[in-house]
Amino acid sequence: MPLKGRIEVNEYYCKACGLCIEHCPQGVIALSKDRFNAKGYHPAELIEAGCTGCGICTIVCPEAAITVYRAVKDKPEMA
């Protein structure tokens, strides 16, 4: 089963540069079409399921506006 993750974008810091979109291997990040942040940019957002929590988006974000959360795998119980 593939890893599952999600991102949170701090809209205050996002400048809509698109680097997270360009580098997302799953293609699940896009700029918001209907929201603006305080600086007048369309912030990035998760647009569909499929995020694996790889963290590439947070590494390439020059504003450190993205936090990645990855689901924890259940450990098999020891008998």
C-alpha atoms as a PDB file:
ATOM      1  CA  MET A   1       0.000   0.000   0.000  1.00  0.00           C
ATOM      2  CA  PRO A   2       1.464   3.396  -0.942  1.00  0.00           C
ATOM      3  CA  LEU A   3       2.181   5.941   1.744  1.00  0.00           C
ATOM      4  CA  LYS A   4      -0.467   8.560   2.357  1.00  0.00           C
ATOM      5  CA  GLY A   5       0.231  12.147   3.200  1.00  0.00           C
ATOM      6  CA  ARG A   6      -1.131  15.645   3.094  1.00  0.00           C
ATOM      7  CA  ILE A   7       0.223  19.154   3.013  1.00  0.00           C
ATOM      8  CA  GLU A   8      -0.682  22.398   4.695  1.00  0.00           C
ATOM      9  CA  VAL A   9       0.276  25.626   2.965  1.00  0.00           C
ATOM     10  CA  ASN A  10       0.780  28.730   5.075  1.00  0.00           C
ATOM     11  CA  GLU A  11      -1.033  31.103   2.737  1.00  0.00           C
ATOM     12  CA  TYR A  12       0.589  34.162   4.308  1.00  0.00           C
ATOM     13  CA  TYR A  13       4.022  33.099   3.030  1.00  0.00           C
ATOM     14  CA  CYS A  14       3.065  31.467  -0.304  1.00  0.00           C
ATOM     15  CA  LYS A  15       4.062  33.627  -3.285  1.00  0.00           C
ATOM     16  CA  ALA A  16       2.583  31.301  -5.940  1.00  0.00           C
ATOM     17  CA  CYS A  17       5.989  30.634  -7.497  1.00  0.00           C
ATOM     18  CA  GLY A  18       4.852  27.174  -8.652  1.00  0.00           C
ATOM     19  CA  LEU A  19       7.991  25.271  -7.654  1.00  0.00           C
ATOM     20  CA  CYS A  20       5.973  22.868  -5.489  1.00  0.00           C
ATOM     21  CA  ILE A  21       3.618  22.200  -8.403  1.00  0.00           C
ATOM     22  CA  GLU A  22       6.480  21.662 -10.827  1.00  0.00           C
ATOM     23  CA  HIS A  23       8.306  19.209  -8.544  1.00  0.00           C
ATOM     24  CA  CYS A  24       5.374  17.219  -7.115  1.00  0.00           C
ATOM     25  CA  PRO A  25       5.842  13.661  -8.455  1.00  0.00           C
ATOM     26  CA  GLN A  26       2.167  12.868  -7.841  1.00  0.00           C
ATOM     27  CA  GLY A  27       0.836  16.022  -9.536  1.00  0.00           C
ATOM     28  CA  VAL A  28      -1.605  16.789  -6.704  1.00  0.00           C
ATOM     29  CA  ILE A  29      -0.707  20.432  -6.004  1.00  0.00           C
ATOM     30  CA  ALA A  30      -2.093  23.439  -7.873  1.00  0.00           C
ATOM     31  CA  LEU A  31      -2.634  27.131  -7.328  1.00  0.00           C
ATOM     32  CA  SER A  32      -6.022  28.029  -5.933  1.00  0.00           C
ATOM     33  CA  LYS A  33      -8.301  29.396  -8.627  1.00  0.00           C
ATOM     34  CA  ASP A  34     -10.724  31.199  -6.338  1.00  0.00           C
ATOM     35  CA  ARG A  35      -8.706  32.356  -3.305  1.00  0.00           C
ATOM     36  CA  PHE A  36      -6.117  35.072  -2.826  1.00  0.00           C
ATOM     37  CA  ASN A  37      -3.776  35.540   0.119  1.00  0.00           C
ATOM     38  CA  ALA A  38      -3.066  38.897   1.787  1.00  0.00           C
ATOM     39  CA  LYS A  39      -0.334  39.631  -0.774  1.00  0.00           C
ATOM     40  CA  GLY A  40      -2.679  39.059  -3.727  1.00  0.00           C
ATOM     41  CA  TYR A  41      -1.314  35.663  -4.803  1.00  0.00           C
ATOM     42  CA  HIS A  42      -3.275  32.497  -5.479  1.00  0.00           C
ATOM     43  CA  PRO A  43      -1.773  30.144  -2.843  1.00  0.00           C
ATOM     44  CA  ALA A  44      -0.842  26.551  -3.569  1.00  0.00           C
ATOM     45  CA  GLU A  45      -3.179  23.826  -2.346  1.00  0.00           C
ATOM     46  CA  LEU A  46      -3.664  20.073  -2.436  1.00  0.00           C
ATOM     47  CA  ILE A  47      -6.172  19.466  -5.237  1.00  0.00           C
ATOM     48  CA  GLU A  48      -6.751  15.721  -5.040  1.00  0.00           C
ATOM     49  CA  ALA A  49      -5.931  12.568  -3.126  1.00  0.00           C
ATOM     50  CA  GLY A  50      -2.655  10.881  -3.910  1.00  0.00           C
ATOM     51  CA  CYS A  51      -0.133  12.788  -1.815  1.00  0.00           C
ATOM     52  CA  THR A  52       2.460  10.353  -0.477  1.00  0.00           C
ATOM     53  CA  GLY A  53       4.067  12.792   1.955  1.00  0.00           C
ATOM     54  CA  CYS A  54       7.389  12.616   0.105  1.00  0.00           C
ATOM     55  CA  GLY A  55       8.328  16.146   1.208  1.00  0.00           C
ATOM     56  CA  ILE A  56       9.757  17.365  -2.093  1.00  0.00           C
ATOM     57  CA  CYS A  57       7.369  20.331  -2.121  1.00  0.00           C
ATOM     58  CA  THR A  58       8.563  21.570   1.246  1.00  0.00           C
ATOM     59  CA  ILE A  59      12.219  21.196   0.221  1.00  0.00           C
ATOM     60  CA  VAL A  60      11.833  23.275  -2.955  1.00  0.00           C
ATOM     61  CA  CYS A  61       9.588  25.969  -1.417  1.00  0.00           C
ATOM     62  CA  PRO A  62      11.761  29.090  -1.101  1.00  0.00           C
ATOM     63  CA  GLU A  63       9.405  30.593   1.495  1.00  0.00           C
ATOM     64  CA  ALA A  64       9.158  27.460   3.704  1.00  0.00           C
ATOM     65  CA  ALA A  65       5.371  27.798   3.405  1.00  0.00           C
ATOM     66  CA  ILE A  66       4.573  24.078   3.187  1.00  0.00           C
ATOM     67  CA  THR A  67       4.311  21.549   5.991  1.00  0.00           C
ATOM     68  CA  VAL A  68       4.047  17.872   5.060  1.00  0.00           C
ATOM     69  CA  TYR A  69       2.258  15.260   7.132  1.00  0.00           C
ATOM     70  CA  ARG A  70       2.682  11.546   6.461  1.00  0.00           C
ATOM     71  CA  ALA A  71       0.390   8.824   7.795  1.00  0.00           C
ATOM     72  CA  VAL A  72       2.071   6.406  10.161  1.00  0.00           C
ATOM     73  CA  LYS A  73       2.081   2.792   9.049  1.00  0.00           C
ATOM     74  CA  ASP A  74       0.579   0.330  11.489  1.00  0.00           C
ATOM     75  CA  LYS A  75       3.218  -1.948  12.945  1.00  0.00           C
ATOM     76  CA  PRO A  76       2.429  -5.656  12.963  1.00  0.00           C
ATOM     77  CA  GLU A  77       1.739  -6.975  16.436  1.00  0.00           C
ATOM     78  CA  MET A  78       4.330  -9.285  17.911  1.00  0.00           C
ATOM     79  CA  ALA A  79       2.950 -12.580  19.176  1.00  0.00           C
END
